[in-house]
């Protein structure tokens, strides 16, 4: 019979147990630095004017960008529920006595 030594599980590197990690909602440094570089490049390219030009010249990629920056959950005025109104219009020809 062999005796195996007991290993104290401390949550440290090499212990086989994950540590607490980064707190939820806090981006890592690399992500923050990349976002800062993108914002700086946008500023150098002309900011809002550049984006408006891209909306005209490259509407598909621009709409993809819009989808990435819009909030995932929309709310109406004052934080109330979003109200959606559907309007159906029927257009008739001027002469309907055919």
Foldseek 3Di string as FASTA:
>chain_A
DDDDDDDDQDCDPPSPHHHPDDDPPDDDPVVVVVVVVVVVVCVVCPHPVNLVVCCVVPVVVSVVVVVVPDDPDDDDPPRHRDDDDDDDDDDDDPDPPD
